[in-house]
PDB file of all heavy atoms in Angstrom:
ATOM      1  N   PHE A   1       1.580  42.279-119.986  1.00  0.00           N
ATOM      2  CA  PHE A   1       0.263  42.026-119.444  1.00  0.00           C
ATOM      3  C   PHE A   1      -0.870  41.803-120.494  1.00  0.00           C
ATOM      4  O   PHE A   1      -1.974  41.823-120.171  1.00  0.00           O
ATOM      5  CB  PHE A   1      -0.144  43.174-118.495  1.00  0.00           C
ATOM      6  CG  PHE A   1       0.834  43.259-117.331  1.00  0.00           C
ATOM      7  CD1 PHE A   1       1.739  44.304-117.230  1.00  0.00           C
ATOM      8  CD2 PHE A   1       0.788  42.348-116.324  1.00  0.00           C
ATOM      9  CE1 PHE A   1       2.582  44.395-116.182  1.00  0.00           C
ATOM     10  CE2 PHE A   1       1.684  42.426-115.277  1.00  0.00           C
ATOM     11  CZ  PHE A   1       2.602  43.494-115.135  1.00  0.00           C
ATOM     12  N   GLY A   2      -0.421  41.607-121.712  1.00  0.00           N
ATOM     13  CA  GLY A   2      -1.384  41.343-122.811  1.00  0.00           C
ATOM     14  C   GLY A   2      -1.933  39.969-122.768  1.00  0.00           C
ATOM     15  O   GLY A   2      -2.958  39.708-123.371  1.00  0.00           O
ATOM     16  N   ASP A   3      -1.295  39.026-122.156  1.00  0.00           N
ATOM     17  CA  ASP A   3      -1.772  37.637-121.919  1.00  0.00           C
ATOM     18  C   ASP A   3      -2.024  36.942-123.252  1.00  0.00           C
ATOM     19  O   ASP A   3      -3.190  36.432-123.451  1.00  0.00           O
ATOM     20  CB  ASP A   3      -2.996  37.587-121.053  1.00  0.00           C
ATOM     21  CG  ASP A   3      -2.778  38.039-119.672  1.00  0.00           C
ATOM     22  OD1 ASP A   3      -1.606  37.988-119.177  1.00  0.00           O
ATOM     23  OD2 ASP A   3      -3.709  38.519-118.925  1.00  0.00           O
ATOM     24  N   ILE A   4      -1.009  36.918-124.146  1.00  0.00           N
ATOM     25  CA  ILE A   4      -1.292  36.135-125.368  1.00  0.00           C
ATOM     26  C   ILE A   4      -0.724  34.708-125.328  1.00  0.00           C
ATOM     27  O   ILE A   4      -0.872  33.933-126.247  1.00  0.00           O
ATOM     28  CB  ILE A   4      -0.664  36.846-126.595  1.00  0.00           C
ATOM     29  CG1 ILE A   4       0.867  36.799-126.553  1.00  0.00           C
ATOM     30  CG2 ILE A   4      -1.174  38.305-126.687  1.00  0.00           C
ATOM     31  CD1 ILE A   4       1.493  37.141-127.893  1.00  0.00           C
ATOM     32  N   GLU A   5      -0.007  34.387-124.233  1.00  0.00           N
ATOM     33  CA  GLU A   5       0.603  33.106-124.136  1.00  0.00           C
ATOM     34  C   GLU A   5      -0.412  31.957-124.267  1.00  0.00           C
ATOM     35  O   GLU A   5      -1.592  32.142-123.815  1.00  0.00           O
ATOM     36  CB  GLU A   5       1.337  32.930-122.765  1.00  0.00           C
ATOM     37  CG  GLU A   5       2.578  33.757-122.736  1.00  0.00           C
ATOM     38  CD  GLU A   5       2.312  35.188-122.266  1.00  0.00           C
ATOM     39  OE1 GLU A   5       1.076  35.533-122.074  1.00  0.00           O
ATOM     40  OE2 GLU A   5       3.225  35.978-122.122  1.00  0.00           O
ATOM     41  N   GLY A   6      -0.039  30.842-124.752  1.00  0.00           N
ATOM     42  CA  GLY A   6      -0.951  29.657-124.903  1.00  0.00           C
ATOM     43  C   GLY A   6      -1.143  28.924-123.578  1.00  0.00           C
ATOM     44  O   GLY A   6      -0.609  29.376-122.589  1.00  0.00           O
ATOM     45  N   GLU A   7      -1.885  27.883-123.620  1.00  0.00           N
ATOM     46  CA  GLU A   7      -2.140  27.037-122.385  1.00  0.00           C
ATOM     47  C   GLU A   7      -0.825  26.550-121.821  1.00  0.00           C
ATOM     48  O   GLU A   7      -0.764  26.265-120.574  1.00  0.00           O
ATOM     49  CB  GLU A   7      -3.044  25.875-122.709  1.00  0.00           C
ATOM     50  CG  GLU A   7      -4.415  26.369-123.073  1.00  0.00           C
ATOM     51  CD  GLU A   7      -5.396  25.232-123.349  1.00  0.00           C
ATOM     52  OE1 GLU A   7      -4.953  24.039-123.238  1.00  0.00           O
ATOM     53  OE2 GLU A   7      -6.625  25.406-123.635  1.00  0.00           O
ATOM     54  N   ASP A   8       0.231  26.432-122.586  1.00  0.00           N
ATOM     55  CA  ASP A   8       1.554  25.935-122.077  1.00  0.00           C
ATOM     56  C   ASP A   8       2.347  27.032-121.472  1.00  0.00           C
ATOM     57  O   ASP A   8       3.473  26.836-121.017  1.00  0.00           O
ATOM     58  CB  ASP A   8       2.328  25.222-123.125  1.00  0.00           C
ATOM     59  CG  ASP A   8       2.563  26.084-124.422  1.00  0.00           C
ATOM     60  OD1 ASP A   8       2.060  27.193-124.415  1.00  0.00           O
ATOM     61  OD2 ASP A   8       3.156  25.584-125.266  1.00  0.00           O
ATOM     62  N   GLY A   9       1.809  28.296-121.452  1.00  0.00           N
ATOM     63  CA  GLY A   9       2.510  29.475-120.894  1.00  0.00           C
ATOM     64  C   GLY A   9       3.538  30.108-121.749  1.00  0.00           C
ATOM     65  O   GLY A   9       4.280  30.956-121.255  1.00  0.00           O
ATOM     66  N   VAL A  10       3.654  29.703-123.027  1.00  0.00           N
ATOM     67  CA  VAL A  10       4.607  30.277-123.921  1.00  0.00           C
ATOM     68  C   VAL A  10       3.944  30.827-125.184  1.00  0.00           C
ATOM     69  O   VAL A  10       2.738  30.386-125.456  1.00  0.00           O
ATOM     70  CB  VAL A  10       5.667  29.305-124.365  1.00  0.00           C
ATOM     71  CG1 VAL A  10       6.451  28.753-123.151  1.00  0.00           C
ATOM     72  CG2 VAL A  10       5.114  28.139-125.154  1.00  0.00           C
ATOM     73  N   VAL A  11       4.576  31.662-125.911  1.00  0.00           N
ATOM     74  CA  VAL A  11       4.057  32.143-127.164  1.00  0.00           C
ATOM     75  C   VAL A  11       4.511  31.170-128.252  1.00  0.00           C
ATOM     76  O   VAL A  11       5.685  31.051-128.581  1.00  0.00           O
ATOM     77  CB  VAL A  11       4.635  33.583-127.478  1.00  0.00           C
ATOM     78  CG1 VAL A  11       4.107  34.070-128.850  1.00  0.00           C
ATOM     79  CG2 VAL A  11       4.210  34.589-126.405  1.00  0.00           C
ATOM     80  N   GLY A  12       3.512  30.496-128.855  1.00  0.00           N
ATOM     81  CA  GLY A  12       3.805  29.479-129.851  1.00  0.00           C
ATOM     82  C   GLY A  12       3.241  29.880-131.205  1.00  0.00           C
ATOM     83  O   GLY A  12       2.763  30.999-131.495  1.00  0.00           O
ATOM     84  N   HIS A  13       3.231  28.916-132.115  1.00  0.00           N
ATOM     85  CA  HIS A  13       2.807  29.170-133.505  1.00  0.00           C
ATOM     86  C   HIS A  13       1.262  29.388-133.672  1.00  0.00           C
ATOM     87  O   HIS A  13       0.820  29.811-134.664  1.00  0.00           O
ATOM     88  CB  HIS A  13       3.251  28.076-134.380  1.00  0.00           C
ATOM     89  CG  HIS A  13       4.732  27.969-134.597  1.00  0.00           C
ATOM     90  ND1 HIS A  13       5.393  28.668-135.521  1.00  0.00           N
ATOM     91  CD2 HIS A  13       5.662  27.224-133.891  1.00  0.00           C
ATOM     92  CE1 HIS A  13       6.690  28.439-135.471  1.00  0.00           C
ATOM     93  NE2 HIS A  13       6.895  27.602-134.515  1.00  0.00           N
ATOM     94  N   ASP A  14       0.496  29.041-132.589  1.00  0.00           N
ATOM     95  CA  ASP A  14      -0.945  29.371-132.643  1.00  0.00           C
ATOM     96  C   ASP A  14      -1.191  30.768-132.127  1.00  0.00           C
ATOM     97  O   ASP A  14      -2.283  31.245-132.298  1.00  0.00           O
ATOM     98  CB  ASP A  14      -1.699  28.340-131.792  1.00  0.00           C
ATOM     99  CG  ASP A  14      -1.765  26.967-132.517  1.00  0.00           C
ATOM    100  OD1 ASP A  14      -1.867  26.973-133.723  1.00  0.00           O
ATOM    101  OD2 ASP A  14      -1.765  25.958-131.802  1.00  0.00           O
ATOM    102  N   GLU A  15      -0.243  31.386-131.474  1.00  0.00           N
ATOM    103  CA  GLU A  15      -0.449  32.738-130.878  1.00  0.00           C
ATOM    104  C   GLU A  15       0.258  33.817-131.695  1.00  0.00           C
ATOM    105  O   GLU A  15      -0.077  35.010-131.568  1.00  0.00           O
ATOM    106  CB  GLU A  15       0.076  32.750-129.460  1.00  0.00           C
ATOM    107  CG  GLU A  15      -0.683  32.003-128.462  1.00  0.00           C
ATOM    108  CD  GLU A  15      -0.377  30.441-128.514  1.00  0.00           C
ATOM    109  OE1 GLU A  15       0.797  30.150-128.585  1.00  0.00           O
ATOM    110  OE2 GLU A  15      -1.281  29.671-128.422  1.00  0.00           O
ATOM    111  N   ALA A  16       1.255  33.432-132.497  1.00  0.00           N
ATOM    112  CA  ALA A  16       2.069  34.473-133.194  1.00  0.00           C
ATOM    113  C   ALA A  16       2.839  33.925-134.363  1.00  0.00           C
ATOM    114  O   ALA A  16       3.034  32.716-134.478  1.00  0.00           O
ATOM    115  CB  ALA A  16       3.076  35.150-132.162  1.00  0.00           C
ATOM    116  N   ASN A  17       3.308  34.794-135.254  1.00  0.00           N
ATOM    117  CA  ASN A  17       4.124  34.373-136.369  1.00  0.00           C
ATOM    118  C   ASN A  17       5.550  34.366-135.873  1.00  0.00           C
ATOM    119  O   ASN A  17       6.176  35.454-135.743  1.00  0.00           O
ATOM    120  CB  ASN A  17       3.969  35.371-137.512  1.00  0.00           C
ATOM    121  CG  ASN A  17       4.865  35.127-138.674  1.00  0.00           C
ATOM    122  OD1 ASN A  17       5.295  33.988-138.854  1.00  0.00           O
ATOM    123  ND2 ASN A  17       5.107  36.120-139.463  1.00  0.00           N
ATOM    124  N   ILE A  18       6.082  33.182-135.573  1.00  0.00           N
ATOM    125  CA  ILE A  18       7.402  33.063-135.002  1.00  0.00           C
ATOM    126  C   ILE A  18       8.193  32.024-135.788  1.00  0.00           C
ATOM    127  O   ILE A  18       7.748  31.436-136.781  1.00  0.00           O
ATOM    128  CB  ILE A  18       7.338  32.613-133.524  1.00  0.00           C
ATOM    129  CG1 ILE A  18       6.716  31.251-133.398  1.00  0.00           C
ATOM    130  CG2 ILE A  18       6.559  33.672-132.702  1.00  0.00           C
ATOM    131  CD1 ILE A  18       6.720  30.682-131.958  1.00  0.00           C
ATOM    132  N   GLY A  19       9.414  31.810-135.393  1.00  0.00           N
ATOM    133  CA  GLY A  19      10.341  30.949-136.176  1.00  0.00           C
ATOM    134  C   GLY A  19      10.797  29.676-135.449  1.00  0.00           C
ATOM    135  O   GLY A  19      10.127  29.278-134.511  1.00  0.00           O
ATOM    136  N   LEU A  20      11.971  29.237-135.832  1.00  0.00           N
ATOM    137  CA  LEU A  20      12.571  28.058-135.234  1.00  0.00           C
ATOM    138  C   LEU A  20      13.023  28.261-133.835  1.00  0.00           C
ATOM    139  O   LEU A  20      13.445  29.348-133.500  1.00  0.00           O
ATOM    140  CB  LEU A  20      13.773  27.629-136.113  1.00  0.00           C
ATOM    141  CG  LEU A  20      13.521  27.230-137.525  1.00  0.00           C
ATOM    142  CD1 LEU A  20      14.794  27.187-138.358  1.00  0.00           C
ATOM    143  CD2 LEU A  20      12.812  25.894-137.639  1.00  0.00           C
ATOM    144  N   VAL A  21      12.892  27.215-133.055  1.00  0.00           N
ATOM    145  CA  VAL A  21      13.412  27.347-131.627  1.00  0.00           C
ATOM    146  C   VAL A  21      14.860  27.557-131.655  1.00  0.00           C
ATOM    147  O   VAL A  21      15.409  28.365-130.918  1.00  0.00           O
ATOM    148  CB  VAL A  21      13.035  26.063-130.862  1.00  0.00           C
ATOM    149  CG1 VAL A  21      13.664  26.090-129.518  1.00  0.00           C
ATOM    150  CG2 VAL A  21      11.502  25.987-130.759  1.00  0.00           C
ATOM    151  N   ASP A  22      15.612  26.798-132.494  1.00  0.00           N
ATOM    152  CA  ASP A  22      17.074  26.945-132.595  1.00  0.00           C
ATOM    153  C   ASP A  22      17.311  28.025-133.654  1.00  0.00           C
ATOM    154  O   ASP A  22      17.147  27.858-134.835  1.00  0.00           O
ATOM    155  CB  ASP A  22      17.743  25.640-133.044  1.00  0.00           C
ATOM    156  CG  ASP A  22      17.573  24.579-131.984  1.00  0.00           C
ATOM    157  OD1 ASP A  22      17.541  24.970-130.771  1.00  0.00           O
ATOM    158  OD2 ASP A  22      17.432  23.388-132.363  1.00  0.00           O
ATOM    159  N   CYS A  23      17.666  29.257-133.195  1.00  0.00           N
ATOM    160  CA  CYS A  23      17.776  30.413-133.975  1.00  0.00           C
ATOM    161  C   CYS A  23      18.720  30.154-135.272  1.00  0.00           C
ATOM    162  O   CYS A  23      19.714  29.461-135.172  1.00  0.00           O
ATOM    163  CB  CYS A  23      18.408  31.546-133.205  1.00  0.00           C
ATOM    164  SG  CYS A  23      18.603  33.105-134.056  1.00  0.00           S
ATOM    165  N   CYS A  24      18.357  30.569-136.334  1.00  0.00           N
ATOM    166  CA  CYS A  24      17.250  31.477-136.653  1.00  0.00           C
ATOM    167  C   CYS A  24      16.542  31.048-138.018  1.00  0.00           C
ATOM    168  O   CYS A  24      17.163  30.331-138.753  1.00  0.00           O
ATOM    169  CB  CYS A  24      17.757  32.887-136.828  1.00  0.00           C
ATOM    170  SG  CYS A  24      18.488  33.573-135.331  1.00  0.00           S
ATOM    171  N   GLY A  25      15.436  31.463-138.247  1.00  0.00           N
ATOM    172  CA  GLY A  25      14.675  31.174-139.468  1.00  0.00           C
ATOM    173  C   GLY A  25      13.253  30.951-139.294  1.00  0.00           C
ATOM    174  O   GLY A  25      12.792  30.692-138.135  1.00  0.00           O
ATOM    175  N   GLY A  26      12.450  31.118-140.294  1.00  0.00           N
ATOM    176  CA  GLY A  26      11.082  30.952-140.227  1.00  0.00           C
ATOM    177  C   GLY A  26      10.578  29.514-140.112  1.00  0.00           C
ATOM    178  O   GLY A  26      11.356  28.572-140.464  1.00  0.00           O
ATOM    179  N   LYS A  27       9.336  29.326-139.570  1.00  0.00           N
ATOM    180  CA  LYS A  27       8.795  27.983-139.536  1.00  0.00           C
ATOM    181  C   LYS A  27       7.291  28.067-139.573  1.00  0.00           C
ATOM    182  O   LYS A  27       6.703  28.960-138.933  1.00  0.00           O
ATOM    183  CB  LYS A  27       9.206  27.295-138.242  1.00  0.00           C
ATOM    184  CG  LYS A  27       8.662  25.891-138.105  1.00  0.00           C
ATOM    185  CD  LYS A  27       9.046  25.236-136.769  1.00  0.00           C
ATOM    186  CE  LYS A  27       8.470  23.790-136.640  1.00  0.00           C
ATOM    187  NZ  LYS A  27       8.912  23.226-135.367  1.00  0.00           N
ATOM    188  N   ALA A  28       6.634  27.301-140.410  1.00  0.00           N
ATOM    189  CA  ALA A  28       5.178  27.248-140.509  1.00  0.00           C
ATOM    190  C   ALA A  28       4.627  26.114-139.703  1.00  0.00           C
ATOM    191  O   ALA A  28       5.094  24.933-139.917  1.00  0.00           O
ATOM    192  CB  ALA A  28       4.778  27.124-141.964  1.00  0.00           C
ATOM    193  N   GLU A  29       3.814  26.396-138.784  1.00  0.00           N
ATOM    194  CA  GLU A  29       3.197  25.315-137.907  1.00  0.00           C
ATOM    195  C   GLU A  29       1.902  25.866-137.304  1.00  0.00           C
ATOM    196  O   GLU A  29       1.839  26.977-136.919  1.00  0.00           O
ATOM    197  CB  GLU A  29       4.185  24.941-136.840  1.00  0.00           C
ATOM    198  CG  GLU A  29       3.721  23.843-135.951  1.00  0.00           C
ATOM    199  CD  GLU A  29       4.772  23.407-134.887  1.00  0.00           C
ATOM    200  OE1 GLU A  29       5.736  22.793-135.207  1.00  0.00           O
ATOM    201  OE2 GLU A  29       4.555  23.836-133.697  1.00  0.00           O
ATOM    202  N   GLY A  30       0.881  25.010-137.142  1.00  0.00           N
ATOM    203  CA  GLY A  30      -0.347  25.463-136.537  1.00  0.00           C
ATOM    204  C   GLY A  30      -0.989  26.601-137.268  1.00  0.00           C
ATOM    205  O   GLY A  30      -1.111  26.604-138.523  1.00  0.00           O
ATOM    206  N   ARG A  31      -1.460  27.563-136.541  1.00  0.00           N
ATOM    207  CA  ARG A  31      -2.028  28.769-137.121  1.00  0.00           C
ATOM    208  C   ARG A  31      -1.086  29.628-137.929  1.00  0.00           C
ATOM    209  O   ARG A  31      -1.410  30.337-138.807  1.00  0.00           O
ATOM    210  CB  ARG A  31      -2.676  29.648-136.002  1.00  0.00           C
ATOM    211  CG  ARG A  31      -3.535  30.762-136.500  1.00  0.00           C
ATOM    212  CD  ARG A  31      -3.934  31.639-135.307  1.00  0.00           C
ATOM    213  NE  ARG A  31      -4.873  32.681-135.699  1.00  0.00           N
ATOM    214  CZ  ARG A  31      -6.193  32.643-135.508  1.00  0.00           C
ATOM    215  NH1 ARG A  31      -6.736  31.613-134.914  1.00  0.00           N
ATOM    216  NH2 ARG A  31      -6.951  33.623-135.985  1.00  0.00           N
ATOM    217  N   ASP A  32       0.283  29.443-137.622  1.00  0.00           N
ATOM    218  CA  ASP A  32       1.328  30.198-138.285  1.00  0.00           C
ATOM    219  C   ASP A  32       1.675  29.494-139.612  1.00  0.00           C
ATOM    220  O   ASP A  32       2.445  28.485-139.635  1.00  0.00           O
ATOM    221  CB  ASP A  32       2.487  30.217-137.360  1.00  0.00           C
ATOM    222  CG  ASP A  32       3.711  30.950-137.929  1.00  0.00           C
ATOM    223  OD1 ASP A  32       3.597  31.557-139.022  1.00  0.00           O
ATOM    224  OD2 ASP A  32       4.787  30.879-137.282  1.00  0.00           O
ATOM    225  N   VAL A  33       1.189  30.025-140.703  1.00  0.00           N
ATOM    226  CA  VAL A  33       1.430  29.450-142.027  1.00  0.00           C
ATOM    227  C   VAL A  33       2.458  30.267-142.825  1.00  0.00           C
ATOM    228  O   VAL A  33       2.622  30.016-144.032  1.00  0.00           O
ATOM    229  CB  VAL A  33       0.104  29.287-142.821  1.00  0.00           C
ATOM    230  CG1 VAL A  33      -0.789  28.391-142.126  1.00  0.00           C
ATOM    231  CG2 VAL A  33      -0.527  30.594-143.077  1.00  0.00           C
TER     232      VAL A  33
END
């Protein structure tokens, strides 16, 4: 219920430090550098 999802309804690189969609590994994109 924290509501951090983006406008597309998912947690992306502008909302969190996340990695590749195809597991596994880091990825820099958007706010996530």
